[in-house]
Amino acid sequence: MSEPKSNDRMEKIVSLCKRRGFIFQSSELYGGINGFWDYGPLGAELKRNVKEYWWRCMTQHRDDVVGLEASIIMHPRIWEASGHTSTFSDPMVDCKTCKGRFREDQMSSTSCPQKPSKMVSECHGEKTEARPFNLMFKTYVGPIESAENVAYLRPETAQAIFVQFKNVLEVSRQKVPFGICQIGKAFRNEINPRNFTFRSREFEQMELEVCSKPDEVGQKNGAPAENADRSAPQPNWGWNEWHKYWVEERVKWYESIGLGRDSLDFYWQKKEELAHYAKATVDILYKFPFGTQELEGIAARGDFDLSQHQKFSGKPMEYFDDEVKAKYVPHVIEPSAGVDRLILALICDAYREEQVTDEKGNAETRVVMKFHPRVAPIKVAVFPLLKNRPELVSKAVEVRNLLQPHMSVFYDEAGAIGRRYRRQDEAGTPFGVTIDFETLGEKGPELQDTVTLRERDSMAQTRVKIAELPALLLGKIR
């Protein structure tokens, strides 16, 4: 069966997200609040799996990266040093006819969006002049709402890493080059949130700041040869080598959770598009149903951030490198990924509609979420063939209890077995275990204490010994 068209496909994905408990509109009971979303039971598990795997790959699988978890509200001077209070804004315009408010770069002369989900064609109402709109959420610390007590919800997680650089360096016993990573919430008061969860006002980031030697220090004895091996970090790497290395590392990571290179695209920002401090930036893009959009940016930020905080705080951010006997402010490569965008990409990538035949020989459309087992919300579902046979139910509960310490398990005894399979297909569960009469030894002693193991993608079924299930499944979901 051919895949649905992009708009139709996105509508079906949004519907499934609510129906199966991946994503809900925040505050839906009260009519919702634009730009904010809640993750349901399946979505929360999916998101947790992605974050935990990213963290494991960044910190536990590497010796040169350590972690940080910083507060959402920080000293307001941090945002002065980073430039957010003066430059972190979008040009905003208002339509005097439809009263819509939106970003200037999303405007056209013949259309005017009143709402993110609706475009009003042929709106020729008079527009106001564009004016800057700072995207940071302002709040106050303490009981008095005064200028002295103004603070902001952080618009990114990176600045906390820079501010804590010296503390982390001292306690972690790391040496440059090394990285500091963080997963955390960030907030941007977007003028026009859109495309489901893609652009939201509250979101989560997975960011890594890799500190390295300036080129003039690290390459004083020569830069790497053009044909040098760049698969593993080398002592004489400069910012360019580190940048390309992390682009490739991040692509490999996306592949490891099921997003193949054919689903990704890359945009190397032109010189005139770069932030004033950046030497290079690569955007890793995903081909969403609503267009190819950014998942992650990997920027060579130079020494801008650490130098700015050194200037504004009056505290030294220099590192003394005893290997080269030099003091310098490290340069930084920053891979920065949006968790919520990635979750949406995984959901869009996993969604399939397939024409299959049911147990009675009738053709039907199967909706299946083909998540990589590594990130799937539920790893295995356990089914007694019939719920009115106590011996089947008892054995099924025994199998569930055997597997639960090792992985996320869903137990389901309600309805026909085919219907239960379909429910788990829509949840993206890669494996199903059915306890049937063979398990009880009623069709021969050689099959006693075996179960039917069903694979989601192929729907193939095999007999497996109960005792072998934990090791077998763990080998498939890691």
Protein backbone atom coordinates (compact mmCIF):
# COMPACT_ATOMS: atom_id res chain seq x y z
CA MET A 1 0.00 0.00 0.00
CA SER A 2 1.36 3.42 -0.92
CA GLU A 3 2.24 5.83 1.87
CA PRO A 4 -0.24 8.67 2.52
CA LYS A 5 0.54 12.15 1.21
CA SER A 6 2.52 14.43 3.50
CA ASN A 7 -0.38 16.50 4.91
CA ASP A 8 -2.58 13.45 5.29
CA ARG A 9 0.32 11.53 6.80
CA MET A 10 0.98 14.24 9.39
CA GLU A 11 -2.69 14.36 10.39
CA LYS A 12 -2.67 10.61 10.91
CA ILE A 13 0.50 10.82 12.98
CA VAL A 14 -0.95 13.55 15.21
CA SER A 15 -4.13 11.50 15.65
CA LEU A 16 -2.18 8.38 16.57
CA CYS A 17 -0.05 10.34 19.05
CA LYS A 18 -3.15 11.25 21.03
CA ARG A 19 -4.99 7.95 20.56
CA ARG A 20 -2.08 5.82 21.73
CA GLY A 21 -0.73 8.16 24.37
CA PHE A 22 2.44 9.53 22.83
CA ILE A 23 1.68 13.27 22.97
CA PHE A 24 -1.21 15.35 24.33
CA GLN A 25 -1.96 19.06 24.03
CA SER A 26 -0.95 20.70 27.30
CA SER A 27 -3.87 21.91 29.42
CA GLU A 28 -6.30 20.32 26.97
CA LEU A 29 -9.02 20.16 29.62
CA TYR A 30 -9.09 23.98 29.59
CA GLY A 31 -8.81 24.43 25.84
CA GLY A 32 -5.04 23.96 25.58
CA ILE A 33 -2.16 26.42 25.55
CA ASN A 34 -0.31 27.03 22.31
CA GLY A 35 3.30 25.92 22.09
CA PHE A 36 3.24 23.53 25.06
CA TRP A 37 2.86 19.75 25.00
CA ASP A 38 2.59 16.83 27.42
CA TYR A 39 3.99 13.36 26.81
CA GLY A 40 1.66 10.47 27.59
CA PRO A 41 2.67 6.99 28.82
CA LEU A 42 4.23 5.87 25.54
CA GLY A 43 5.72 9.26 24.73
CA ALA A 44 7.30 9.58 28.16
CA GLU A 45 8.97 6.16 27.76
CA LEU A 46 10.16 6.97 24.25
CA LYS A 47 11.60 10.29 25.33
CA ARG A 48 13.28 8.79 28.38
CA ASN A 49 14.83 6.02 26.26
CA VAL A 50 16.28 8.54 23.81
CA LYS A 51 17.72 10.79 26.52
CA GLU A 52 19.19 7.92 28.49
CA TYR A 53 20.79 6.42 25.39
CA TRP A 54 22.25 9.80 24.37
CA TRP A 55 23.61 10.27 27.89
CA ARG A 56 25.06 6.77 27.94
CA CYS A 57 26.77 7.29 24.59
CA MET A 58 28.13 10.70 25.55
CA THR A 59 29.39 9.99 29.06
CA GLN A 60 29.54 6.27 29.83
CA HIS A 61 30.92 5.13 26.48
CA ARG A 62 33.57 7.86 26.34
CA ASP A 63 36.42 8.84 28.63
CA ASP A 64 36.60 12.44 27.42
CA VAL A 65 33.08 13.71 28.25
CA VAL A 66 31.50 14.39 31.66
CA GLY A 67 28.00 15.50 32.60
CA LEU A 68 26.32 18.49 34.20
CA GLU A 69 22.80 19.28 35.34
CA ALA A 70 22.27 23.00 35.90
CA SER A 71 19.38 25.15 37.10
CA ILE A 72 16.86 26.65 34.71
CA ILE A 73 17.12 30.16 36.21
CA MET A 74 20.61 31.65 36.38
CA HIS A 75 22.14 35.05 37.12
CA PRO A 76 20.83 37.60 34.59
CA ARG A 77 24.37 38.81 33.85
CA ILE A 78 24.97 35.47 32.15
CA TRP A 79 22.51 36.45 29.43
CA GLU A 80 24.16 39.83 29.04
CA ALA A 81 27.52 38.15 28.52
CA SER A 82 26.09 35.67 26.02
CA GLY A 83 24.28 38.43 24.10
CA HIS A 84 20.79 37.06 24.66
CA THR A 85 19.37 40.16 26.33
CA SER A 86 20.43 42.37 23.42
CA THR A 87 20.26 40.16 20.31
CA PHE A 88 18.03 37.16 21.04
CA SER A 89 14.97 38.35 19.15
CA ASP A 90 12.81 37.75 16.10
CA PRO A 91 11.33 40.54 13.97
CA MET A 92 7.59 40.64 14.71
CA VAL A 93 4.76 42.24 12.74
CA ASP A 94 1.03 42.65 13.44
CA CYS A 95 -1.81 42.61 10.93
CA LYS A 96 -4.27 45.44 11.62
CA THR A 97 -7.06 43.55 9.82
CA CYS A 98 -6.93 40.00 11.20
CA LYS A 99 -5.09 40.98 14.41
CA GLY A 100 -2.59 38.19 13.79
CA ARG A 101 0.93 38.45 15.21
CA PHE A 102 3.73 36.58 13.55
CA ARG A 103 7.37 36.58 12.53
CA GLU A 104 8.32 38.78 9.62
CA ASP A 105 10.25 35.95 7.93
CA GLN A 106 7.06 33.85 7.82
CA MET A 107 5.08 36.57 6.09
CA SER A 108 4.17 36.82 2.43
CA SER A 109 2.47 39.66 0.67
CA THR A 110 -0.64 37.59 -0.03
CA SER A 111 -1.09 35.49 3.06
CA CYS A 112 -1.42 36.10 6.76
CA PRO A 113 -1.49 33.33 9.38
CA GLN A 114 -4.00 34.05 12.13
CA LYS A 115 -3.26 30.72 13.77
CA PRO A 116 -0.40 28.24 13.38
CA SER A 117 -2.77 25.67 11.89
CA LYS A 118 -4.57 28.02 9.51
CA MET A 119 -3.42 30.25 6.67
CA VAL A 120 -5.64 33.14 5.63
CA SER A 121 -5.13 33.67 1.91
CA GLU A 122 -5.53 37.03 0.21
CA CYS A 123 -5.26 38.98 3.45
CA HIS A 124 -4.26 42.50 2.37
CA GLY A 125 -4.67 44.14 5.75
CA GLU A 126 -2.24 46.86 6.70
CA LYS A 127 0.83 45.54 8.53
CA THR A 128 2.80 47.25 11.25
CA GLU A 129 6.52 47.89 10.91
CA ALA A 130 8.66 44.97 12.04
CA ARG A 131 10.00 45.33 15.55
CA PRO A 132 12.27 43.11 17.61
CA PHE A 133 10.66 40.70 20.05
CA ASN A 134 12.95 39.16 22.67
CA LEU A 135 12.26 35.45 22.96
CA MET A 136 13.27 35.01 26.60
CA PHE A 137 10.63 34.45 29.26
CA LYS A 138 11.05 37.06 31.99
CA THR A 139 10.37 36.37 35.64
CA TYR A 140 11.33 37.75 39.06
CA VAL A 141 13.36 36.17 41.85
CA GLY A 142 11.99 36.97 45.29
CA PRO A 143 8.76 38.63 46.46
CA ILE A 144 9.29 42.05 44.84
CA GLU A 145 8.77 42.60 41.12
CA SER A 146 11.50 45.14 40.50
CA ALA A 147 14.22 45.71 37.93
CA GLU A 148 16.80 44.45 40.42
CA ASN A 149 15.01 41.11 40.72
CA VAL A 150 14.50 40.38 37.00
CA ALA A 151 15.56 36.93 35.87
CA TYR A 152 14.93 34.76 32.81
CA LEU A 153 14.04 31.18 32.08
CA ARG A 154 17.05 29.93 30.16
CA PRO A 155 16.64 29.93 26.37
CA GLU A 156 19.39 27.31 26.01
CA THR A 157 21.35 24.93 28.22
CA ALA A 158 24.80 25.75 26.85
CA GLN A 159 25.60 28.83 28.92
CA ALA A 160 25.48 26.89 32.20
CA ILE A 161 28.21 24.64 30.83
CA PHE A 162 30.44 27.61 30.03
CA VAL A 163 29.82 29.25 33.40
CA GLN A 164 30.68 26.01 35.25
CA PHE A 165 33.66 25.19 33.02
CA LYS A 166 36.36 25.81 35.63
CA ASN A 167 34.48 23.96 38.38
CA VAL A 168 33.89 20.91 36.20
CA LEU A 169 37.49 20.97 34.98
CA GLU A 170 38.81 20.99 38.54
CA VAL A 171 36.66 18.18 39.96
CA SER A 172 36.59 15.86 36.92
CA ARG A 173 40.39 15.67 36.50
CA GLN A 174 39.93 16.07 32.75
CA LYS A 175 42.44 17.65 30.43
CA VAL A 176 41.77 19.62 27.27
CA PRO A 177 40.48 18.33 24.90
CA PHE A 178 37.38 17.17 26.76
CA GLY A 179 33.63 17.78 26.71
CA ILE A 180 30.82 18.67 29.08
CA CYS A 181 27.27 17.59 28.23
CA GLN A 182 23.85 18.39 29.59
CA ILE A 183 20.21 17.49 28.99
CA GLY A 184 17.66 19.99 30.16
CA LYS A 185 14.64 22.20 29.60
CA ALA A 186 14.85 25.50 27.76
CA PHE A 187 12.20 28.12 27.03
CA ARG A 188 11.65 30.48 24.11
CA ASN A 189 8.61 32.69 23.75
CA GLU A 190 8.10 31.83 20.10
CA ILE A 191 5.86 34.24 18.22
CA ASN A 192 4.29 31.48 16.16
CA PRO A 193 4.72 27.88 17.43
CA ARG A 194 3.91 25.45 14.63
CA ASN A 195 4.22 21.99 13.09
CA PHE A 196 2.96 20.04 16.09
CA THR A 197 5.83 19.73 18.61
CA PHE A 198 8.54 20.87 16.20
CA ARG A 199 8.59 24.51 17.32
CA SER A 200 7.42 24.88 20.91
CA ARG A 201 7.81 27.39 23.71
CA GLU A 202 9.02 24.80 26.20
CA PHE A 203 11.42 22.19 24.92
CA GLU A 204 14.36 20.04 25.91
CA GLN A 205 17.92 20.09 24.61
CA MET A 206 20.79 17.62 24.55
CA GLU A 207 23.95 19.71 24.27
CA LEU A 208 27.65 18.95 24.30
CA GLU A 209 30.45 21.51 24.54
CA VAL A 210 33.80 20.08 23.47
CA CYS A 211 36.76 22.18 24.62
CA SER A 212 39.94 21.95 22.55
CA LYS A 213 43.26 23.70 22.06
CA PRO A 214 43.36 26.78 19.83
CA ASP A 215 44.93 25.92 16.48
CA GLU A 216 48.01 28.02 17.17
CA VAL A 217 48.66 25.91 20.27
CA GLY A 218 47.56 22.45 19.20
CA GLN A 219 49.11 22.64 15.74
CA LYS A 220 52.35 24.44 16.50
CA ASN A 221 54.21 21.35 15.31
CA GLY A 222 52.07 21.01 12.21
CA ALA A 223 48.47 20.39 11.16
CA PRO A 224 47.13 16.93 10.24
CA ALA A 225 47.87 15.78 6.71
CA GLU A 226 45.01 15.91 4.24
CA ASN A 227 44.83 12.10 4.11
CA ALA A 228 45.24 11.62 7.87
CA ASP A 229 42.92 9.24 9.75
CA ARG A 230 40.07 11.26 11.25
CA SER A 231 38.09 8.41 12.76
CA ALA A 232 39.55 8.99 16.23
CA PRO A 233 40.74 12.24 17.89
CA GLN A 234 44.40 13.13 17.45
CA PRO A 235 46.65 15.45 19.53
CA ASN A 236 47.23 17.90 16.68
CA TRP A 237 43.64 18.35 15.64
CA GLY A 238 42.41 21.89 15.10
CA TRP A 239 38.86 23.19 15.22
CA ASN A 240 38.14 22.02 11.66
CA GLU A 241 39.06 18.41 12.39
CA TRP A 242 37.09 18.41 15.63
CA HIS A 243 34.09 19.90 13.87
CA LYS A 244 34.01 17.31 11.10
CA TYR A 245 34.61 14.52 13.58
CA TRP A 246 31.57 15.47 15.64
CA VAL A 247 29.37 15.84 12.57
CA GLU A 248 30.18 12.24 11.67
CA GLU A 249 29.80 11.04 15.27
CA ARG A 250 26.35 12.55 15.52
CA VAL A 251 25.23 11.00 12.23
CA LYS A 252 26.41 7.59 13.44
CA TRP A 253 24.38 8.10 16.61
CA TYR A 254 21.23 8.90 14.65
CA GLU A 255 21.78 5.75 12.61
CA SER A 256 22.06 3.74 15.84
CA ILE A 257 18.47 4.70 16.79
CA GLY A 258 16.99 4.03 13.38
CA LEU A 259 17.33 7.32 11.47
CA GLY A 260 19.29 6.34 8.38
CA ARG A 261 21.41 8.75 6.35
CA ASP A 262 18.81 8.67 3.60
CA SER A 263 16.31 10.30 5.98
CA LEU A 264 18.77 13.07 6.91
CA ASP A 265 20.13 16.07 5.08
CA PHE A 266 22.94 18.52 5.84
CA TYR A 267 23.21 22.25 5.51
CA TRP A 268 26.59 23.93 5.83
CA GLN A 269 25.84 27.52 6.69
CA LYS A 270 27.31 30.11 4.33
CA LYS A 271 29.79 32.61 5.67
CA GLU A 272 27.23 35.42 5.68
CA GLU A 273 24.76 33.23 7.59
CA LEU A 274 27.08 32.34 10.46
CA ALA A 275 26.73 33.84 13.90
CA HIS A 276 29.41 36.47 14.42
CA TYR A 277 31.42 34.16 16.69
CA ALA A 278 31.11 30.98 14.61
CA LYS A 279 33.77 29.63 12.29
CA ALA A 280 31.46 27.00 10.85
CA THR A 281 28.02 25.52 11.52
CA VAL A 282 26.41 22.40 10.12
CA ASP A 283 22.70 21.75 10.51
CA ILE A 284 21.64 18.10 10.52
CA LEU A 285 18.16 18.04 9.01
CA TYR A 286 15.38 15.46 8.97
CA LYS A 287 12.87 15.05 6.15
CA PHE A 288 9.61 15.62 8.05
CA PRO A 289 6.26 15.28 6.26
CA PHE A 290 5.93 19.08 6.50
CA GLY A 291 9.39 19.73 5.07
CA THR A 292 13.09 19.19 5.72
CA GLN A 293 13.90 20.86 9.04
CA GLU A 294 16.73 21.08 11.56
CA LEU A 295 17.28 18.38 14.18
CA GLU A 296 20.68 19.44 15.42
CA GLY A 297 23.23 22.17 14.89
CA ILE A 298 26.96 21.54 15.22
CA ALA A 299 28.83 24.82 15.59
CA ALA A 300 32.48 25.75 15.90
CA ARG A 301 32.07 28.57 18.44
CA GLY A 302 35.73 29.47 18.93
CA ASP A 303 36.55 30.96 22.34
CA PHE A 304 33.64 33.43 22.26
CA ASP A 305 31.57 32.11 25.17
CA LEU A 306 34.35 31.47 27.66
CA SER A 307 35.99 34.80 26.77
CA GLN A 308 32.71 36.66 27.23
CA HIS A 309 32.13 35.16 30.67
CA GLN A 310 35.71 35.95 31.61
CA LYS A 311 35.11 39.55 30.58
CA PHE A 312 31.73 40.00 32.29
CA SER A 313 32.51 38.10 35.50
CA GLY A 314 36.07 39.30 35.93
CA LYS A 315 37.08 35.68 36.67
CA PRO A 316 39.74 33.85 34.62
CA MET A 317 38.55 31.18 32.20
CA GLU A 318 42.02 30.28 30.96
CA TYR A 319 43.39 26.77 31.08
CA PHE A 320 47.04 25.99 31.76
CA ASP A 321 48.08 23.14 29.51
CA ASP A 322 51.06 21.43 31.14
CA GLU A 323 51.67 19.33 28.02
CA VAL A 324 52.51 22.35 25.87
CA LYS A 325 53.32 24.76 28.74
CA ALA A 326 50.81 27.32 27.54
CA LYS A 327 47.81 29.15 28.98
CA TYR A 328 44.79 29.74 26.76
CA VAL A 329 41.01 30.05 26.63
CA PRO A 330 39.80 26.78 25.04
CA HIS A 331 37.88 26.76 21.79
CA VAL A 332 34.55 24.97 21.61
CA ILE A 333 32.69 22.65 19.24
CA GLU A 334 28.98 22.46 20.11
CA PRO A 335 26.65 19.66 18.96
CA SER A 336 23.20 20.84 20.10
CA ALA A 337 20.13 18.65 19.52
CA GLY A 338 16.46 19.24 20.25
CA VAL A 339 14.93 16.30 22.14
CA ASP A 340 11.33 17.09 21.17
CA ARG A 341 12.21 17.52 17.50
CA LEU A 342 14.02 14.21 17.59
CA ILE A 343 11.06 12.46 19.21
CA LEU A 344 8.82 13.85 16.48
CA ALA A 345 11.29 12.68 13.83
CA LEU A 346 11.36 9.17 15.32
CA ILE A 347 7.56 9.05 15.39
CA CYS A 348 7.29 10.27 11.78
CA ASP A 349 9.99 7.86 10.64
CA ALA A 350 8.42 4.90 12.41
CA TYR A 351 4.87 5.39 11.10
CA ARG A 352 3.81 2.80 8.52
CA GLU A 353 0.59 1.65 6.89
CA GLU A 354 0.78 -1.88 5.52
CA GLN A 355 -1.69 -4.14 3.74
CA VAL A 356 -1.77 -7.49 5.56
CA THR A 357 -4.05 -10.52 5.93
CA ASP A 358 -5.62 -11.32 9.28
CA GLU A 359 -5.97 -14.80 10.84
CA LYS A 360 -9.25 -15.30 8.94
CA GLY A 361 -7.70 -14.48 5.59
CA ASN A 362 -9.22 -11.02 5.28
CA ALA A 363 -7.18 -8.10 3.97
CA GLU A 364 -6.71 -5.19 6.35
CA THR A 365 -4.51 -2.15 6.85
CA ARG A 366 -2.00 -2.51 9.64
CA VAL A 367 -0.74 0.69 11.27
CA VAL A 368 2.64 -0.05 12.80
CA MET A 369 5.27 2.10 14.49
CA LYS A 370 8.63 0.64 13.50
CA PHE A 371 10.77 2.11 16.24
CA HIS A 372 14.28 0.81 16.64
CA PRO A 373 14.09 -1.67 19.57
CA ARG A 374 16.71 0.42 21.37
CA VAL A 375 14.30 3.34 21.83
CA ALA A 376 10.89 1.65 21.59
CA PRO A 377 8.66 2.64 24.56
CA ILE A 378 7.70 -0.95 25.31
CA LYS A 379 10.18 -3.70 24.49
CA VAL A 380 7.93 -6.74 24.78
CA ALA A 381 4.25 -7.49 25.31
CA VAL A 382 3.12 -10.66 27.10
CA PHE A 383 -0.20 -12.30 26.22
CA PRO A 384 -2.01 -15.32 27.62
CA LEU A 385 -3.86 -16.83 24.65
CA LEU A 386 -7.13 -16.88 26.63
CA LYS A 387 -7.91 -14.94 29.77
CA ASN A 388 -10.50 -17.49 30.97
CA ARG A 389 -7.89 -20.22 31.37
CA PRO A 390 -6.24 -19.68 34.78
CA GLU A 391 -3.26 -21.89 33.93
CA LEU A 392 -2.47 -19.72 30.87
CA VAL A 393 -2.87 -16.51 32.84
CA SER A 394 -0.71 -17.80 35.67
CA LYS A 395 2.08 -18.76 33.27
CA ALA A 396 1.82 -15.43 31.46
CA VAL A 397 2.19 -13.55 34.74
CA GLU A 398 5.22 -15.69 35.53
CA VAL A 399 6.81 -14.74 32.17
CA ARG A 400 6.02 -11.06 32.71
CA ASN A 401 7.66 -11.15 36.13
CA LEU A 402 10.70 -12.87 34.63
CA LEU A 403 11.19 -10.12 32.05
CA GLN A 404 10.22 -7.00 34.03
CA PRO A 405 13.55 -6.55 35.86
CA HIS A 406 15.34 -6.33 32.51
CA MET A 407 13.07 -4.31 30.21
CA SER A 408 9.74 -2.50 29.86
CA VAL A 409 6.94 -5.07 29.59
CA PHE A 410 3.25 -4.68 28.81
CA TYR A 411 0.81 -7.37 29.90
CA ASP A 412 -2.46 -7.68 27.95
CA GLU A 413 -5.14 -10.35 28.24
CA ALA A 414 -8.16 -8.48 26.84
CA GLY A 415 -9.59 -9.27 23.40
CA ALA A 416 -8.69 -11.51 20.50
CA ILE A 417 -4.98 -12.21 20.15
CA GLY A 418 -4.88 -10.58 16.70
CA ARG A 419 -6.39 -7.40 18.07
CA ARG A 420 -3.84 -7.37 20.88
CA TYR A 421 -1.03 -7.72 18.34
CA ARG A 422 -2.41 -4.72 16.42
CA ARG A 423 -2.55 -2.58 19.54
CA GLN A 424 1.10 -3.29 20.22
CA ASP A 425 2.01 -2.66 16.58
CA GLU A 426 0.59 0.85 16.95
CA ALA A 427 2.55 1.30 20.19
CA GLY A 428 5.75 0.26 18.38
CA THR A 429 6.44 -2.77 20.59
CA PRO A 430 9.06 -4.84 18.75
CA PHE A 431 8.29 -8.23 20.33
CA GLY A 432 5.26 -10.14 21.55
CA VAL A 433 5.28 -13.27 23.71
CA THR A 434 2.18 -15.48 23.68
CA ILE A 435 1.57 -18.17 26.26
CA ASP A 436 -0.51 -20.88 24.61
CA PHE A 437 -1.45 -24.52 25.09
CA GLU A 438 1.94 -25.67 23.82
CA THR A 439 3.45 -23.76 26.75
CA LEU A 440 1.46 -25.95 29.12
CA GLY A 441 2.68 -29.14 27.42
CA GLU A 442 -0.78 -30.06 26.13
CA LYS A 443 0.54 -30.68 22.59
CA GLY A 444 3.63 -32.59 23.50
CA PRO A 445 6.19 -32.49 26.31
CA GLU A 446 8.89 -31.21 23.96
CA LEU A 447 7.04 -27.86 23.71
CA GLN A 448 6.34 -27.45 27.40
CA ASP A 449 7.66 -24.15 28.84
CA THR A 450 8.12 -22.68 25.37
CA VAL A 451 6.30 -19.60 24.07
CA THR A 452 5.45 -18.03 20.75
CA LEU A 453 7.77 -15.09 20.07
CA ARG A 454 6.34 -12.68 17.48
CA GLU A 455 8.45 -10.04 15.75
CA ARG A 456 6.66 -6.77 15.01
CA ASP A 457 8.20 -5.91 11.64
CA SER A 458 8.05 -9.29 9.90
CA MET A 459 5.18 -10.70 12.03
CA ALA A 460 7.18 -13.96 12.02
CA GLN A 461 6.53 -16.33 14.93
CA THR A 462 8.98 -18.78 16.47
CA ARG A 463 9.04 -21.07 19.51
CA VAL A 464 11.42 -20.05 22.29
CA LYS A 465 12.13 -21.58 25.69
CA ILE A 466 10.98 -19.38 28.56
CA ALA A 467 14.35 -19.71 30.28
CA GLU A 468 16.10 -18.30 27.20
CA LEU A 469 13.80 -15.30 26.76
CA PRO A 470 15.65 -12.66 28.88
CA ALA A 471 19.04 -13.15 27.21
CA LEU A 472 17.51 -13.45 23.74
CA LEU A 473 15.46 -10.26 24.03
CA LEU A 474 18.22 -8.26 25.72
CA GLY A 475 20.46 -9.08 22.77
CA LYS A 476 17.88 -7.64 20.39
CA ILE A 477 16.94 -4.42 22.21
CA ARG A 478 20.39 -3.08 23.11
